[in-house]
Amino acid sequence: MTATKRKPSGAGEETRARIIQATLKTLKDEGIVGTSARAIARAGDFNQALIFYHFGSVDDLIVAAVAEMSSRRMERHELRLVEATTLTELIQIARELNHDDVTADNMTVLTQAFAGASGNPELGPKLYALLEPWTNLIATTIERIVADLPGALDISHDELARAISALFLGIELLDDLDPKSANVDSLFDSLESLAKLLQALMQTPLLQALASQSE
């Protein structure tokens, strides 16, 4: 069912916020399979017709809910990532931010929403577009950190950022299937070891000399 979306005004903003929070709660508690207009309305204790009045469809509501959650997360992540000055610090901060996201069930909401977008030609592209600011943030942070390191100039920061985003979404899906396996902790341990190795490698005299010759 799809209806024409209405422009929010006054009390409408409060209603929209209430519907969005109910949607995030439903995604977290029921998963994408259980996220229907009826389930969202039940979680927020309102008439499900309000969903279509304010958002037009459940798919558009899911996009709006993920966008709202992403906006809140983005501000905190930007403030923390700017503190990173080395690859190792970047991984350590990313570990802390991921822990906060997992504790707040943000990653559960994201993985459920993206799982529901698979094969959906309308929902998929809209959710994927929400990843772009995160990809840019990660790419910019990586570029800033490795800018002065020899041998780092040929790294595609955008592609690396996309790979990191895909990696974390995938690892969260694995943890949802097997919460006791600690996939995320193992991943961060491996990434931290790799970061230390890359930093040491890029600072070796031989690589610095090779990088100087190629400039």
Protein backbone atom coordinates (compact mmCIF):
# COMPACT_ATOMS: atom_id res chain seq x y z
CA MET A 1 0.00 0.00 0.00
CA THR A 2 1.35 3.42 -0.97
CA ALA A 3 -0.10 6.84 -0.28
CA THR A 4 0.91 10.38 -1.10
CA LYS A 5 3.39 11.75 1.45
CA ARG A 6 2.32 14.92 3.23
CA LYS A 7 4.58 17.80 4.18
CA PRO A 8 5.06 17.85 7.98
CA SER A 9 4.10 20.93 9.94
CA GLY A 10 3.71 21.69 13.63
CA ALA A 11 2.38 18.63 15.44
CA GLY A 12 3.11 16.60 12.32
CA GLU A 13 6.84 16.70 13.11
CA GLU A 14 6.19 15.19 16.53
CA THR A 15 4.06 12.47 14.98
CA ARG A 16 6.72 11.69 12.37
CA ALA A 17 9.37 11.43 15.09
CA ARG A 18 7.16 9.05 17.04
CA ILE A 19 6.60 6.88 13.97
CA ILE A 20 10.35 6.81 13.21
CA GLN A 21 11.21 5.73 16.75
CA ALA A 22 8.58 2.99 16.58
CA THR A 23 10.09 1.83 13.28
CA LEU A 24 13.61 1.63 14.73
CA LYS A 25 12.26 -0.31 17.72
CA THR A 26 10.38 -2.72 15.44
CA LEU A 27 13.43 -3.34 13.25
CA LYS A 28 15.46 -4.04 16.38
CA ASP A 29 12.90 -6.26 18.11
CA GLU A 30 11.13 -7.98 15.22
CA GLY A 31 13.69 -7.87 12.41
CA ILE A 32 12.91 -6.87 8.85
CA VAL A 33 10.53 -9.81 8.36
CA GLY A 34 8.33 -8.59 11.21
CA THR A 35 8.51 -4.91 10.32
CA SER A 36 5.04 -4.25 8.91
CA ALA A 37 2.77 -1.23 9.19
CA ARG A 38 0.72 -3.09 11.79
CA ALA A 39 3.78 -4.03 13.87
CA ILE A 40 5.17 -0.48 13.75
CA ALA A 41 1.80 0.99 14.76
CA ARG A 42 1.57 -1.49 17.61
CA ALA A 43 5.06 -0.60 18.84
CA GLY A 44 4.25 3.13 18.80
CA ASP A 45 0.61 2.80 19.86
CA PHE A 46 -0.85 4.77 16.96
CA ASN A 47 -3.11 4.14 13.98
CA GLN A 48 -1.19 2.53 11.12
CA ALA A 49 -2.89 4.89 8.66
CA LEU A 50 -0.55 7.60 10.00
CA ILE A 51 2.39 5.76 8.43
CA PHE A 52 0.98 6.16 4.93
CA TYR A 53 -0.23 9.68 5.60
CA HIS A 54 3.21 10.91 6.66
CA PHE A 55 5.58 8.64 4.71
CA GLY A 56 3.65 7.17 1.82
CA SER A 57 4.88 3.59 2.29
CA VAL A 58 6.60 1.32 4.80
CA ASP A 59 9.71 1.25 2.57
CA ASP A 60 9.98 5.05 2.59
CA LEU A 61 9.45 5.01 6.35
CA ILE A 62 12.33 2.55 6.79
CA VAL A 63 14.57 4.82 4.70
CA ALA A 64 13.55 7.85 6.80
CA ALA A 65 14.19 5.94 10.04
CA VAL A 66 17.65 4.76 8.96
CA ALA A 67 18.47 8.29 7.74
CA GLU A 68 17.47 9.76 11.11
CA MET A 69 19.55 7.23 13.01
CA SER A 70 22.51 7.75 10.66
CA SER A 71 22.36 11.51 11.13
CA ARG A 72 22.60 11.16 14.91
CA ARG A 73 25.49 8.70 14.62
CA MET A 74 27.36 10.79 12.05
CA GLU A 75 27.93 13.72 14.40
CA ARG A 76 29.48 11.55 17.11
CA HIS A 77 31.60 9.60 14.64
CA GLU A 78 32.97 12.76 13.03
CA LEU A 79 34.01 14.16 16.41
CA ARG A 80 35.81 10.96 17.36
CA LEU A 81 37.47 10.14 14.04
CA VAL A 82 39.08 13.57 13.81
CA GLU A 83 41.11 12.54 16.89
CA ALA A 84 42.82 9.71 14.99
CA THR A 85 46.34 10.52 13.79
CA THR A 86 47.60 6.99 12.98
CA LEU A 87 46.09 3.85 11.49
CA THR A 88 46.29 2.14 14.87
CA GLU A 89 44.41 4.98 16.57
CA LEU A 90 41.83 4.87 13.80
CA ILE A 91 41.15 1.18 14.44
CA GLN A 92 40.99 1.71 18.21
CA ILE A 93 38.46 4.54 17.85
CA ALA A 94 36.47 2.52 15.32
CA ARG A 95 36.33 -0.35 17.83
CA GLU A 96 34.93 1.98 20.51
CA LEU A 97 32.37 3.50 18.14
CA ASN A 98 31.28 0.08 16.93
CA HIS A 99 30.84 -1.06 20.54
CA ASP A 100 28.62 1.96 21.20
CA ASP A 101 26.59 1.22 18.06
CA VAL A 102 26.15 -2.43 18.98
CA THR A 103 25.15 -1.54 22.54
CA ALA A 104 22.52 0.86 21.20
CA ASP A 105 21.38 -1.78 18.65
CA ASN A 106 22.20 0.59 15.79
CA MET A 107 24.04 -2.13 13.88
CA THR A 108 21.12 -4.53 14.30
CA VAL A 109 18.79 -1.94 12.77
CA LEU A 110 21.19 -1.34 9.87
CA THR A 111 21.76 -4.98 9.02
CA GLN A 112 18.04 -5.74 9.21
CA ALA A 113 17.16 -2.80 6.97
CA PHE A 114 19.80 -3.74 4.40
CA ALA A 115 18.75 -7.39 4.50
CA GLY A 116 15.24 -6.28 3.60
CA ALA A 117 16.55 -4.15 0.75
CA SER A 118 18.11 -7.11 -1.02
CA GLY A 119 16.29 -7.61 -4.31
CA ASN A 120 14.09 -4.57 -3.74
CA PRO A 121 14.71 -2.23 -6.72
CA GLU A 122 13.29 0.81 -4.90
CA LEU A 123 14.39 0.33 -1.28
CA GLY A 124 17.90 -0.91 -2.11
CA PRO A 125 19.21 2.18 -3.94
CA LYS A 126 17.69 4.53 -1.34
CA LEU A 127 19.39 2.76 1.55
CA TYR A 128 22.65 2.45 -0.38
CA ALA A 129 22.64 6.21 -0.92
CA LEU A 130 22.63 6.64 2.86
CA LEU A 131 26.02 4.92 2.98
CA GLU A 132 27.65 7.62 0.84
CA PRO A 133 28.26 10.13 3.68
CA TRP A 134 29.84 7.31 5.72
CA THR A 135 32.03 6.24 2.82
CA ASN A 136 33.17 9.84 2.37
CA LEU A 137 33.89 10.20 6.09
CA ILE A 138 35.96 7.00 6.19
CA ALA A 139 37.79 7.87 2.96
CA THR A 140 38.61 11.39 4.15
CA THR A 141 39.89 10.07 7.48
CA ILE A 142 42.09 7.45 5.83
CA GLU A 143 43.43 9.98 3.33
CA ARG A 144 44.32 12.41 6.13
CA ILE A 145 46.10 9.75 8.18
CA VAL A 146 48.15 8.17 5.39
CA ALA A 147 48.84 11.37 3.44
CA ASP A 148 52.41 11.71 4.74
CA LEU A 149 53.26 8.02 4.69
CA PRO A 150 55.48 6.80 1.83
CA GLY A 151 53.82 4.42 -0.60
CA ALA A 152 50.31 5.46 0.39
CA LEU A 153 49.61 7.83 -2.50
CA ASP A 154 48.35 5.09 -4.85
CA ILE A 155 45.76 3.75 -2.40
CA SER A 156 42.17 4.22 -3.58
CA HIS A 157 40.66 5.69 -0.43
CA ASP A 158 37.10 5.57 -1.77
CA GLU A 159 37.32 1.90 -2.71
CA LEU A 160 38.97 1.06 0.59
CA ALA A 161 36.21 2.93 2.47
CA ARG A 162 33.51 1.00 0.57
CA ALA A 163 35.25 -2.27 1.35
CA ILE A 164 35.38 -1.36 5.05
CA SER A 165 31.66 -0.50 5.08
CA ALA A 166 30.78 -3.79 3.39
CA LEU A 167 33.06 -5.69 5.75
CA PHE A 168 31.41 -4.32 8.86
CA LEU A 169 27.87 -4.89 7.61
CA GLY A 170 28.79 -8.46 6.74
CA ILE A 171 30.49 -9.20 10.04
CA GLU A 172 27.47 -7.85 11.94
CA LEU A 173 25.22 -10.21 10.02
CA LEU A 174 27.47 -13.09 11.07
CA ASP A 175 27.29 -12.02 14.71
CA ASP A 176 23.49 -11.88 14.49
CA LEU A 177 23.55 -15.51 13.34
CA ASP A 178 26.05 -16.57 16.00
CA PRO A 179 26.25 -13.98 18.83
CA LYS A 180 28.72 -16.13 20.83
CA SER A 181 31.37 -16.22 18.12
CA ALA A 182 32.76 -12.69 18.81
CA ASN A 183 33.40 -12.09 15.10
CA VAL A 184 33.61 -8.33 15.55
CA ASP A 185 36.20 -8.49 18.34
CA SER A 186 38.34 -10.85 16.29
CA LEU A 187 38.03 -8.57 13.28
CA PHE A 188 39.21 -5.52 15.22
CA ASP A 189 42.10 -7.48 16.73
CA SER A 190 43.21 -8.48 13.22
CA LEU A 191 42.75 -4.97 11.84
CA GLU A 192 44.76 -3.46 14.69
CA SER A 193 47.62 -5.92 14.07
CA LEU A 194 47.47 -5.16 10.35
CA ALA A 195 47.49 -1.40 11.00
CA LYS A 196 50.61 -1.71 13.13
CA LEU A 197 52.29 -3.80 10.44
CA LEU A 198 51.39 -1.34 7.66
CA GLN A 199 52.61 1.64 9.67
CA ALA A 200 55.91 -0.06 10.40
CA LEU A 201 56.28 -1.13 6.76
CA MET A 202 55.55 2.30 5.31
CA GLN A 203 58.08 3.91 7.63
CA THR A 204 60.98 1.63 6.69
CA PRO A 205 63.95 3.38 5.03
CA LEU A 206 63.75 1.11 1.96
CA LEU A 207 60.10 1.96 1.23
CA GLN A 208 60.74 5.64 1.91
CA ALA A 209 63.59 5.56 -0.59
CA LEU A 210 61.46 3.78 -3.20
CA ALA A 211 58.64 6.25 -2.67
CA SER A 212 61.04 9.17 -3.10
CA GLN A 213 62.35 7.76 -6.39
CA SER A 214 58.80 7.41 -7.78
CA GLU A 215 57.85 11.04 -7.05
